[in-house]
Amino acid sequence: MGGTVKKRRRRLGVVFLLVALTMLVVGQTLLRDRFSKTAFALYWLCCFAFTFLAILVALLDAIAVRRNSRREHRAFLEETLREIASRQKTAANPKSKSPDSSRDEGAF
């Protein structure tokens, strides 16, 4: 589920960014002198809104990446600590040796 949410969030960010970029190029080239003052203001307000939405989605994605990174780091740390504790128990309890290790001890 995490992968599909991440893909959807990133695609949405790309769409917002492409719409804003397209509006910027079209507004500066084709529509430069064709708008009334009100239409001009509304057009650029929409362009800024799409830019803001792209930034917002990028920030949300950064927060999600940070959250996932912390979760994975915590899980890795817990797993490592469990492994260390398990090795210490094994080293402290010599009776729990594997069958192969008893065969190696009597070889000399």
C-alpha atoms as a PDB file:
ATOM      1  CA  MET A   1       0.000   0.000   0.000  1.00  0.00           C
ATOM      2  CA  GLY A   2       2.877   2.382   0.775  1.00  0.00           C
ATOM      3  CA  GLY A   3       4.243   2.108  -2.753  1.00  0.00           C
ATOM      4  CA  THR A   4       0.990   3.051  -4.436  1.00  0.00           C
ATOM      5  CA  VAL A   5       0.479   6.037  -2.137  1.00  0.00           C
ATOM      6  CA  LYS A   6       4.024   7.204  -2.828  1.00  0.00           C
ATOM      7  CA  LYS A   7       3.546   6.812  -6.586  1.00  0.00           C
ATOM      8  CA  ARG A   8       0.238   8.664  -6.480  1.00  0.00           C
ATOM      9  CA  ARG A   9       1.726  11.507  -4.422  1.00  0.00           C
ATOM     10  CA  ARG A  10       4.711  11.878  -6.723  1.00  0.00           C
ATOM     11  CA  ARG A  11       2.629  11.727  -9.890  1.00  0.00           C
ATOM     12  CA  LEU A  12       0.327  14.391  -8.482  1.00  0.00           C
ATOM     13  CA  GLY A  13       3.347  16.589  -7.741  1.00  0.00           C
ATOM     14  CA  VAL A  14       4.664  16.117 -11.275  1.00  0.00           C
ATOM     15  CA  VAL A  15       1.249  16.952 -12.757  1.00  0.00           C
ATOM     16  CA  PHE A  16       0.985  20.146 -10.678  1.00  0.00           C
ATOM     17  CA  LEU A  17       4.501  21.134 -11.660  1.00  0.00           C
ATOM     18  CA  LEU A  18       3.905  20.449 -15.366  1.00  0.00           C
ATOM     19  CA  VAL A  19       0.648  22.428 -15.340  1.00  0.00           C
ATOM     20  CA  ALA A  20       2.387  25.380 -13.664  1.00  0.00           C
ATOM     21  CA  LEU A  21       5.311  25.205 -16.101  1.00  0.00           C
ATOM     22  CA  THR A  22       2.982  24.987 -19.101  1.00  0.00           C
ATOM     23  CA  MET A  23       0.955  27.938 -17.832  1.00  0.00           C
ATOM     24  CA  LEU A  24       4.173  29.912 -17.363  1.00  0.00           C
ATOM     25  CA  VAL A  25       5.407  29.261 -20.891  1.00  0.00           C
ATOM     26  CA  VAL A  26       2.019  29.822 -22.540  1.00  0.00           C
ATOM     27  CA  GLY A  27       1.377  32.934 -20.459  1.00  0.00           C
ATOM     28  CA  GLN A  28       4.733  34.450 -21.389  1.00  0.00           C
ATOM     29  CA  THR A  29       4.576  33.586 -25.094  1.00  0.00           C
ATOM     30  CA  LEU A  30       1.113  33.123 -26.587  1.00  0.00           C
ATOM     31  CA  LEU A  31      -1.134  34.972 -24.155  1.00  0.00           C
ATOM     32  CA  ARG A  32       1.141  37.815 -23.102  1.00  0.00           C
ATOM     33  CA  ASP A  33      -0.882  40.755 -24.494  1.00  0.00           C
ATOM     34  CA  ARG A  34      -4.289  39.088 -24.928  1.00  0.00           C
ATOM     35  CA  PHE A  35      -5.695  39.285 -21.393  1.00  0.00           C
ATOM     36  CA  SER A  36      -7.614  42.033 -19.688  1.00  0.00           C
ATOM     37  CA  LYS A  37      -6.250  43.085 -16.308  1.00  0.00           C
ATOM     38  CA  THR A  38      -8.708  40.877 -14.423  1.00  0.00           C
ATOM     39  CA  ALA A  39      -8.089  37.847 -16.639  1.00  0.00           C
ATOM     40  CA  PHE A  40      -4.335  38.456 -16.385  1.00  0.00           C
ATOM     41  CA  ALA A  41      -4.499  38.467 -12.580  1.00  0.00           C
ATOM     42  CA  LEU A  42      -6.686  35.329 -12.476  1.00  0.00           C
ATOM     43  CA  TYR A  43      -4.453  33.475 -14.909  1.00  0.00           C
ATOM     44  CA  TRP A  44      -1.303  34.139 -12.901  1.00  0.00           C
ATOM     45  CA  LEU A  45      -3.101  33.439  -9.655  1.00  0.00           C
ATOM     46  CA  CYS A  46      -3.958  29.982 -11.026  1.00  0.00           C
ATOM     47  CA  CYS A  47      -0.347  29.507 -12.100  1.00  0.00           C
ATOM     48  CA  PHE A  48       0.868  30.396  -8.606  1.00  0.00           C
ATOM     49  CA  ALA A  49      -1.743  28.088  -7.089  1.00  0.00           C
ATOM     50  CA  PHE A  50      -0.446  25.132  -9.125  1.00  0.00           C
ATOM     51  CA  THR A  51       3.118  26.041  -8.152  1.00  0.00           C
ATOM     52  CA  PHE A  52       2.096  26.178  -4.489  1.00  0.00           C
ATOM     53  CA  LEU A  53       0.339  22.815  -4.794  1.00  0.00           C
ATOM     54  CA  ALA A  54       3.480  21.273  -6.314  1.00  0.00           C
ATOM     55  CA  ILE A  55       5.540  22.631  -3.407  1.00  0.00           C
ATOM     56  CA  LEU A  56       2.987  21.366  -0.888  1.00  0.00           C
ATOM     57  CA  VAL A  57       3.003  17.861  -2.375  1.00  0.00           C
ATOM     58  CA  ALA A  58       6.831  17.896  -2.348  1.00  0.00           C
ATOM     59  CA  LEU A  59       6.845  18.845   1.342  1.00  0.00           C
ATOM     60  CA  LEU A  60       4.321  16.125   2.165  1.00  0.00           C
ATOM     61  CA  ASP A  61       6.474  13.633   0.266  1.00  0.00           C
ATOM     62  CA  ALA A  62       9.573  14.743   2.191  1.00  0.00           C
ATOM     63  CA  ILE A  63       7.716  14.290   5.482  1.00  0.00           C
ATOM     64  CA  ALA A  64       6.577  10.812   4.424  1.00  0.00           C
ATOM     65  CA  VAL A  65      10.107   9.838   3.361  1.00  0.00           C
ATOM     66  CA  ARG A  66      11.484  11.038   6.698  1.00  0.00           C
ATOM     67  CA  ARG A  67       8.790   9.111   8.608  1.00  0.00           C
ATOM     68  CA  ASN A  68       9.503   5.898   6.671  1.00  0.00           C
ATOM     69  CA  SER A  69      13.241   6.338   7.125  1.00  0.00           C
ATOM     70  CA  ARG A  70      12.832   6.702  10.891  1.00  0.00           C
ATOM     71  CA  ARG A  71      10.571   3.654  11.018  1.00  0.00           C
ATOM     72  CA  GLU A  72      13.051   1.526   9.046  1.00  0.00           C
ATOM     73  CA  HIS A  73      15.981   2.791  11.118  1.00  0.00           C
ATOM     74  CA  ARG A  74      14.165   1.952  14.351  1.00  0.00           C
ATOM     75  CA  ALA A  75      13.265  -1.537  13.087  1.00  0.00           C
ATOM     76  CA  PHE A  76      16.870  -2.152  12.015  1.00  0.00           C
ATOM     77  CA  LEU A  77      18.174  -0.988  15.384  1.00  0.00           C
ATOM     78  CA  GLU A  78      15.729  -3.202  17.292  1.00  0.00           C
ATOM     79  CA  GLU A  79      16.626  -6.212  15.132  1.00  0.00           C
ATOM     80  CA  THR A  80      20.331  -5.592  15.688  1.00  0.00           C
ATOM     81  CA  LEU A  81      19.869  -5.291  19.451  1.00  0.00           C
ATOM     82  CA  ARG A  82      17.865  -8.534  19.522  1.00  0.00           C
ATOM     83  CA  GLU A  83      20.622 -10.274  17.568  1.00  0.00           C
ATOM     84  CA  ILE A  84      23.298  -8.982  19.952  1.00  0.00           C
ATOM     85  CA  ALA A  85      21.279 -10.123  22.976  1.00  0.00           C
ATOM     86  CA  SER A  86      20.791 -13.541  21.382  1.00  0.00           C
ATOM     87  CA  ARG A  87      24.530 -13.898  20.726  1.00  0.00           C
ATOM     88  CA  GLN A  88      25.338 -12.886  24.300  1.00  0.00           C
ATOM     89  CA  LYS A  89      22.938 -15.504  25.648  1.00  0.00           C
ATOM     90  CA  THR A  90      24.507 -18.135  23.407  1.00  0.00           C
ATOM     91  CA  ALA A  91      28.018 -17.148  24.486  1.00  0.00           C
ATOM     92  CA  ALA A  92      27.065 -17.134  28.178  1.00  0.00           C
ATOM     93  CA  ASN A  93      25.407 -20.560  27.983  1.00  0.00           C
ATOM     94  CA  PRO A  94      28.006 -23.065  26.648  1.00  0.00           C
ATOM     95  CA  LYS A  95      25.602 -26.010  27.000  1.00  0.00           C
ATOM     96  CA  SER A  96      23.596 -24.824  24.010  1.00  0.00           C
ATOM     97  CA  LYS A  97      26.376 -25.496  21.494  1.00  0.00           C
ATOM     98  CA  SER A  98      25.520 -27.001  18.178  1.00  0.00           C
ATOM     99  CA  PRO A  99      26.247 -30.720  17.542  1.00  0.00           C
ATOM    100  CA  ASP A 100      28.949 -29.833  15.021  1.00  0.00           C
ATOM    101  CA  SER A 101      30.954 -27.835  17.559  1.00  0.00           C
ATOM    102  CA  SER A 102      31.306 -30.821  19.964  1.00  0.00           C
ATOM    103  CA  ARG A 103      32.816 -32.894  17.164  1.00  0.00           C
ATOM    104  CA  ASP A 104      35.438 -30.203  16.461  1.00  0.00           C
ATOM    105  CA  GLU A 105      36.534 -29.951  20.101  1.00  0.00           C
ATOM    106  CA  GLY A 106      37.612 -33.594  20.380  1.00  0.00           C
ATOM    107  CA  ALA A 107      39.719 -33.554  17.214  1.00  0.00           C
ATOM    108  CA  PHE A 108      42.915 -32.467  18.963  1.00  0.00           C
END
